[in-house]
C-alpha atoms as a PDB file:
ATOM      1  CA  MET A   1     235.927 127.025 144.754  1.00  0.00           C
ATOM      2  CA  ALA A   2     234.606 130.416 143.515  1.00  0.00           C
ATOM      3  CA  VAL A   3     231.758 128.444 141.778  1.00  0.00           C
ATOM      4  CA  VAL A   4     230.894 126.866 144.963  1.00  0.00           C
ATOM      5  CA  VAL A   5     230.760 129.989 146.706  1.00  0.00           C
ATOM      6  CA  VAL A   6     228.610 131.417 144.218  1.00  0.00           C
ATOM      7  CA  LEU A   7     226.272 128.554 144.211  1.00  0.00           C
ATOM      8  CA  LYS A   8     225.942 128.504 148.029  1.00  0.00           C
ATOM      9  CA  HIS A   9     224.975 132.302 147.675  1.00  0.00           C
ATOM     10  CA  VAL A  10     222.399 131.471 145.156  1.00  0.00           C
ATOM     11  CA  ARG A  11     221.063 128.774 147.117  1.00  0.00           C
ATOM     12  CA  LEU A  12     220.926 130.752 150.281  1.00  0.00           C
ATOM     13  CA  THR A  13     219.561 133.924 148.551  1.00  0.00           C
ATOM     14  CA  ARG A  14     216.787 131.893 147.290  1.00  0.00           C
ATOM     15  CA  ALA A  15     215.938 130.339 150.525  1.00  0.00           C
ATOM     16  CA  LEU A  16     215.997 133.507 152.363  1.00  0.00           C
ATOM     17  CA  GLN A  17     213.814 135.069 149.762  1.00  0.00           C
ATOM     18  CA  ALA A  18     211.280 132.294 150.258  1.00  0.00           C
ATOM     19  CA  ILE A  19     211.411 132.521 153.821  1.00  0.00           C
ATOM     20  CA  GLU A  20     210.968 136.440 153.750  1.00  0.00           C
ATOM     21  CA  MET A  21     208.116 136.052 151.305  1.00  0.00           C
ATOM     22  CA  ALA A  22     206.402 133.442 153.786  1.00  0.00           C
ATOM     23  CA  ALA A  23     206.840 135.818 156.725  1.00  0.00           C
ATOM     24  CA  VAL A  24     205.287 138.501 154.716  1.00  0.00           C
ATOM     25  CA  SER A  25     202.404 136.502 153.930  1.00  0.00           C
ATOM     26  CA  LEU A  26     202.155 135.054 157.283  1.00  0.00           C
ATOM     27  CA  ASP A  27     202.210 138.629 158.981  1.00  0.00           C
ATOM     28  CA  GLY A  28     199.197 139.713 156.493  1.00  0.00           C
ATOM     29  CA  GLU A  29     197.243 136.590 157.786  1.00  0.00           C
ATOM     30  CA  LEU A  30     197.964 137.378 161.412  1.00  0.00           C
ATOM     31  CA  ALA A  31     197.003 141.039 160.883  1.00  0.00           C
ATOM     32  CA  ALA A  32     193.709 139.905 159.294  1.00  0.00           C
ATOM     33  CA  LEU A  33     193.104 137.491 162.145  1.00  0.00           C
ATOM     34  CA  HIS A  34     193.641 140.213 164.688  1.00  0.00           C
ATOM     35  CA  ALA A  35     191.406 142.739 162.866  1.00  0.00           C
ATOM     36  CA  ALA A  36     188.745 139.932 162.848  1.00  0.00           C
ATOM     37  CA  GLY A  37     189.204 139.317 166.602  1.00  0.00           C
ATOM     38  CA  GLN A  38     188.894 143.141 167.506  1.00  0.00           C
ATOM     39  CA  VAL A  39     185.367 143.059 166.035  1.00  0.00           C
ATOM     40  CA  GLY A  40     184.486 139.728 167.348  1.00  0.00           C
ATOM     41  CA  LEU A  41     184.431 137.698 164.196  1.00  0.00           C
ATOM     42  CA  LEU A  42     187.516 135.351 165.024  1.00  0.00           C
ATOM     43  CA  GLY A  43     185.538 132.229 166.150  1.00  0.00           C
ATOM     44  CA  ASN A  44     187.346 129.204 167.370  1.00  0.00           C
ATOM     45  CA  HIS A  45     189.931 128.444 165.014  1.00  0.00           C
ATOM     46  CA  ALA A  46     192.298 126.106 166.935  1.00  0.00           C
ATOM     47  CA  GLU A  47     193.033 124.124 163.741  1.00  0.00           C
ATOM     48  CA  GLU A  48     194.077 127.180 161.955  1.00  0.00           C
ATOM     49  CA  ALA A  49     196.242 128.448 165.031  1.00  0.00           C
ATOM     50  CA  THR A  50     197.863 125.172 165.046  1.00  0.00           C
ATOM     51  CA  LEU A  51     198.826 125.501 161.224  1.00  0.00           C
ATOM     52  CA  LEU A  52     200.037 128.929 161.897  1.00  0.00           C
ATOM     53  CA  ARG A  53     202.151 127.739 164.742  1.00  0.00           C
ATOM     54  CA  THR A  54     203.484 124.945 162.494  1.00  0.00           C
ATOM     55  CA  TYR A  55     204.351 127.484 159.698  1.00  0.00           C
ATOM     56  CA  VAL A  56     206.397 129.838 162.274  1.00  0.00           C
ATOM     57  CA  ARG A  57     208.310 126.758 163.543  1.00  0.00           C
ATOM     58  CA  THR A  58     209.008 125.593 159.945  1.00  0.00           C
ATOM     59  CA  LEU A  59     210.355 128.816 159.199  1.00  0.00           C
ATOM     60  CA  ARG A  60     212.588 129.032 162.192  1.00  0.00           C
ATOM     61  CA  VAL A  61     213.933 125.502 161.385  1.00  0.00           C
ATOM     62  CA  LEU A  62     214.859 126.561 157.929  1.00  0.00           C
ATOM     63  CA  LEU A  63     216.522 129.609 159.157  1.00  0.00           C
ATOM     64  CA  GLN A  64     218.360 127.372 161.837  1.00  0.00           C
ATOM     65  CA  ALA A  65     219.642 125.062 159.081  1.00  0.00           C
ATOM     66  CA  MET A  66     221.673 127.821 157.613  1.00  0.00           C
ATOM     67  CA  THR A  67     224.979 127.749 159.364  1.00  0.00           C
ATOM     68  CA  PRO A  68     226.806 130.925 160.332  1.00  0.00           C
ATOM     69  CA  ASP A  69     229.887 129.963 158.276  1.00  0.00           C
ATOM     70  CA  GLU A  70     227.769 129.405 154.997  1.00  0.00           C
ATOM     71  CA  LEU A  71     226.168 132.636 155.683  1.00  0.00           C
ATOM     72  CA  ASP A  72     229.368 134.668 156.127  1.00  0.00           C
ATOM     73  CA  GLU A  73     230.946 133.088 153.318  1.00  0.00           C
ATOM     74  CA  ALA A  74     228.011 133.936 151.038  1.00  0.00           C
ATOM     75  CA  GLY A  75     227.882 137.371 152.692  1.00  0.00           C
ATOM     76  CA  LEU A  76     224.245 136.851 153.645  1.00  0.00           C
ATOM     77  CA  SER A  77     224.507 137.125 157.487  1.00  0.00           C
ATOM     78  CA  GLU A  78     222.709 140.533 157.664  1.00  0.00           C
ATOM     79  CA  ARG A  79     219.783 139.403 155.384  1.00  0.00           C
ATOM     80  CA  HIS A  80     219.662 136.057 157.491  1.00  0.00           C
ATOM     81  CA  GLY A  81     218.995 138.447 160.662  1.00  0.00           C
ATOM     82  CA  LEU A  82     216.458 140.328 159.056  1.00  0.00           C
ATOM     83  CA  ALA A  83     214.728 137.189 158.127  1.00  0.00           C
ATOM     84  CA  GLU A  84     214.981 135.930 161.570  1.00  0.00           C
ATOM     85  CA  ALA A  85     213.537 139.204 162.821  1.00  0.00           C
ATOM     86  CA  ALA A  86     210.671 138.915 160.484  1.00  0.00           C
ATOM     87  CA  VAL A  87     209.844 135.422 161.549  1.00  0.00           C
ATOM     88  CA  GLY A  88     210.259 136.493 165.247  1.00  0.00           C
ATOM     89  CA  ARG A  89     207.557 139.406 164.550  1.00  0.00           C
ATOM     90  CA  CYS A  90     205.332 136.894 163.161  1.00  0.00           C
ATOM     91  CA  ALA A  91     205.827 134.417 166.281  1.00  0.00           C
ATOM     92  CA  ALA A  92     205.112 137.465 168.587  1.00  0.00           C
ATOM     93  CA  ALA A  93     202.063 138.418 166.718  1.00  0.00           C
ATOM     94  CA  LEU A  94     200.812 134.737 166.804  1.00  0.00           C
ATOM     95  CA  ARG A  95     201.325 134.818 170.591  1.00  0.00           C
ATOM     96  CA  ALA A  96     199.508 137.924 170.987  1.00  0.00           C
ATOM     97  CA  LEU A  97     196.360 136.733 169.080  1.00  0.00           C
ATOM     98  CA  GLU A  98     193.876 136.041 171.518  1.00  0.00           C
ATOM     99  CA  LEU A  99     191.402 133.089 170.954  1.00  0.00           C
ATOM    100  CA  PRO A 100     187.511 134.046 171.682  1.00  0.00           C
ATOM    101  CA  ALA A 101     185.754 133.414 174.789  1.00  0.00           C
ATOM    102  CA  GLY A 102     188.757 133.864 177.108  1.00  0.00           C
ATOM    103  CA  SER A 103     190.789 131.034 175.797  1.00  0.00           C
ATOM    104  CA  GLY A 104     193.920 132.988 176.440  1.00  0.00           C
ATOM    105  CA  PRO A 105     196.527 133.592 174.140  1.00  0.00           C
ATOM    106  CA  LEU A 106     197.936 130.912 171.589  1.00  0.00           C
ATOM    107  CA  SER A 107     200.815 129.127 173.121  1.00  0.00           C
ATOM    108  CA  GLY A 108     203.622 126.780 172.144  1.00  0.00           C
ATOM    109  CA  ILE A 109     205.338 128.916 169.606  1.00  0.00           C
ATOM    110  CA  ALA A 110     208.730 127.478 168.702  1.00  0.00           C
END
């Protein structure tokens, strides 16, 4: 039984680490897009916005796939919460990102 718990811990730790790294990368991308938008260089990037929304949705689905029981057993509930918060910040930044020419904010974040 102890081996199973250790394997779950390793699997969940690696998954959370990948999600955290993805959220950091996405946050950097969104910051760059926000800066470009502030100086009028954003242009119409609807396709990229769709990809970023999909990226956020994927990260959320991965986090939701981790059951509370698994996380508690592995002692990773707090880290999971931090990863959820990081992905949530990315979703909020994506919603706040405005398209040019009064297109309004991006919508449809999962």
